[in-house]
Amino acid sequence: MPTSSPSASPSVSPATEPSFALRGTRWLAVGSLIGLIVLGLAWELWLAPLREGGSWWAIKVLPLTIPLAGLLKNRMYTYRWVSLLVWLYFTEGVVRATSESGTSAWLAALEVLLCVALFVACALHVRMRLRAAGKEAVAADVARSARP
């Protein structure tokens, strides 16, 4: 019966292993997105709903659930469009933080912080992945984007 030695096990080369910063931006993006979903639901259903007993405004988190699978699968295209989608929620947070008071204002400020974290994580993640991929990948990405 053969025994396996540590040197016989397959190893991941450093070139294919994602960097600590790249993994960090990925998990910051996923965490911020999940945070926005949970905050939106809790805000509109329990913490400070627009109407007593909960509000239908809780459905505003549905668009945020769509990109979750893409971020978990580490799809570059998802990081790109989420960085645009998040500005809708950022705008809502800024408006509600400045126009409401009490708990709603604090929840809106938290929404703004989560949106900024999500945007920064997505932008840095895309930038680092393109830099790591090299000039050939950037040229192919530009060519693919230029197609009609």
Protein backbone atom coordinates (compact mmCIF):
# COMPACT_ATOMS: atom_id res chain seq x y z
CA MET A 1 0.00 0.00 0.00
CA PRO A 2 1.63 3.27 -1.08
CA THR A 3 1.84 6.09 1.36
CA SER A 4 1.53 9.63 0.30
CA SER A 5 4.25 12.01 1.16
CA PRO A 6 3.87 15.76 1.44
CA SER A 7 6.03 16.22 -1.66
CA ALA A 8 3.77 13.91 -3.69
CA SER A 9 0.67 16.03 -3.13
CA PRO A 10 -0.20 18.51 -5.84
CA SER A 11 0.65 22.05 -4.99
CA VAL A 12 -0.70 25.33 -6.20
CA SER A 13 1.87 27.49 -7.86
CA PRO A 14 2.22 31.03 -6.57
CA ALA A 15 1.25 32.36 -10.01
CA THR A 16 -2.21 30.77 -9.86
CA GLU A 17 -2.91 31.47 -6.20
CA PRO A 18 -4.76 34.76 -5.68
CA SER A 19 -3.01 37.34 -3.53
CA PHE A 20 -4.14 38.23 -0.05
CA ALA A 21 -5.33 41.65 -1.27
CA LEU A 22 -7.33 40.10 -4.11
CA ARG A 23 -9.02 37.65 -1.74
CA GLY A 24 -9.62 40.51 0.68
CA THR A 25 -11.37 42.67 -1.91
CA ARG A 26 -13.49 39.71 -2.97
CA TRP A 27 -14.68 39.00 0.55
CA LEU A 28 -15.16 42.70 1.33
CA ALA A 29 -17.41 42.93 -1.74
CA VAL A 30 -19.39 39.82 -0.78
CA GLY A 31 -19.65 40.93 2.85
CA SER A 32 -20.77 44.44 1.93
CA LEU A 33 -23.37 43.10 -0.47
CA ILE A 34 -24.76 40.69 2.12
CA GLY A 35 -24.68 43.53 4.64
CA LEU A 36 -26.76 45.72 2.32
CA ILE A 37 -29.29 42.93 1.82
CA VAL A 38 -29.63 42.25 5.55
CA LEU A 39 -29.74 45.97 6.38
CA GLY A 40 -32.43 46.65 3.78
CA LEU A 41 -34.63 43.83 5.03
CA ALA A 42 -34.18 44.61 8.71
CA TRP A 43 -34.68 48.33 8.15
CA GLU A 44 -37.94 48.05 6.24
CA LEU A 45 -39.41 45.09 8.13
CA TRP A 46 -38.43 45.62 11.80
CA LEU A 47 -36.03 48.41 12.73
CA ALA A 48 -37.62 51.54 11.22
CA PRO A 49 -40.25 50.67 8.61
CA LEU A 50 -42.12 53.42 6.80
CA ARG A 51 -45.38 51.90 8.08
CA GLU A 52 -46.13 50.14 11.34
CA GLY A 53 -45.70 46.36 11.00
CA GLY A 54 -43.32 46.45 8.03
CA SER A 55 -43.16 48.00 4.63
CA TRP A 56 -43.26 46.73 1.07
CA TRP A 57 -40.12 48.80 0.53
CA ALA A 58 -38.25 45.68 1.66
CA ILE A 59 -38.43 44.47 -1.95
CA LYS A 60 -35.78 47.07 -2.78
CA VAL A 61 -33.16 44.47 -1.83
CA LEU A 62 -34.21 42.05 -4.59
CA PRO A 63 -31.84 43.57 -7.20
CA LEU A 64 -28.99 43.08 -4.70
CA THR A 65 -29.60 39.33 -4.56
CA ILE A 66 -28.94 38.90 -8.29
CA PRO A 67 -25.19 39.63 -8.26
CA LEU A 68 -24.48 37.59 -5.13
CA ALA A 69 -23.96 34.37 -7.11
CA GLY A 70 -21.65 36.13 -9.57
CA LEU A 71 -19.51 37.57 -6.78
CA LEU A 72 -19.30 34.18 -5.08
CA LYS A 73 -18.24 32.63 -8.40
CA ASN A 74 -15.69 35.45 -8.80
CA ARG A 75 -16.98 36.67 -12.16
CA MET A 76 -15.25 39.82 -13.33
CA TYR A 77 -18.29 41.14 -15.21
CA THR A 78 -20.38 41.01 -12.01
CA TYR A 79 -17.86 43.14 -10.12
CA ARG A 80 -18.07 45.73 -12.88
CA TRP A 81 -21.83 46.14 -13.00
CA VAL A 82 -22.28 45.91 -9.23
CA SER A 83 -19.99 48.92 -8.92
CA LEU A 84 -22.60 50.83 -10.96
CA LEU A 85 -25.72 49.37 -9.31
CA VAL A 86 -24.51 50.30 -5.83
CA TRP A 87 -24.86 54.02 -6.59
CA LEU A 88 -28.67 53.71 -6.53
CA TYR A 89 -28.51 52.49 -2.95
CA PHE A 90 -25.87 55.09 -2.09
CA THR A 91 -28.21 57.82 -3.33
CA GLU A 92 -31.09 56.44 -1.26
CA GLY A 93 -28.85 56.36 1.80
CA VAL A 94 -27.66 59.94 1.37
CA VAL A 95 -31.20 61.24 0.81
CA ARG A 96 -32.64 59.38 3.79
CA ALA A 97 -29.68 60.22 6.05
CA THR A 98 -30.21 63.92 5.42
CA SER A 99 -34.02 64.00 5.36
CA GLU A 100 -35.00 61.60 8.15
CA SER A 101 -34.17 61.57 11.83
CA GLY A 102 -33.59 59.04 14.56
CA THR A 103 -33.03 55.39 13.76
CA SER A 104 -33.71 55.81 10.04
CA ALA A 105 -30.96 58.42 9.72
CA TRP A 106 -28.45 56.10 11.38
CA LEU A 107 -29.50 53.16 9.23
CA ALA A 108 -29.15 55.34 6.13
CA ALA A 109 -25.64 56.36 7.19
CA LEU A 110 -24.78 52.67 7.60
CA GLU A 111 -26.19 52.03 4.11
CA VAL A 112 -23.92 54.74 2.71
CA LEU A 113 -20.86 53.19 4.40
CA LEU A 114 -21.71 49.72 3.08
CA CYS A 115 -22.19 51.14 -0.43
CA VAL A 116 -18.82 52.89 -0.35
CA ALA A 117 -17.15 49.71 0.91
CA LEU A 118 -18.81 47.67 -1.87
CA PHE A 119 -17.80 50.14 -4.57
CA VAL A 120 -14.20 50.37 -3.38
CA ALA A 121 -13.92 46.58 -3.08
CA CYS A 122 -15.31 46.04 -6.60
CA ALA A 123 -13.13 48.74 -8.16
CA LEU A 124 -9.96 47.48 -6.48
CA HIS A 125 -10.78 43.86 -7.28
CA VAL A 126 -11.23 44.58 -10.99
CA ARG A 127 -8.08 46.70 -11.10
CA MET A 128 -5.94 44.07 -9.35
CA ARG A 129 -7.25 41.23 -11.51
CA LEU A 130 -6.59 43.13 -14.71
CA ARG A 131 -3.11 44.07 -13.54
CA ALA A 132 -2.38 40.45 -12.59
CA ALA A 133 -3.70 39.15 -15.90
CA GLY A 134 -1.20 41.18 -17.86
CA LYS A 135 -1.24 43.28 -20.98
CA GLU A 136 -2.66 40.51 -23.19
CA ALA A 137 -5.76 40.15 -21.05
CA VAL A 138 -6.28 43.92 -20.96
CA ALA A 139 -5.99 44.11 -24.76
CA ALA A 140 -8.46 41.24 -25.16
CA ASP A 141 -10.83 42.91 -22.71
CA VAL A 142 -10.68 46.21 -24.59
CA ALA A 143 -11.25 44.43 -27.91
CA ARG A 144 -14.22 42.54 -26.47
CA SER A 145 -15.73 45.77 -25.09
CA ALA A 146 -15.26 47.57 -28.43
CA ARG A 147 -17.37 45.05 -30.36
CA PRO A 148 -20.73 46.42 -31.56
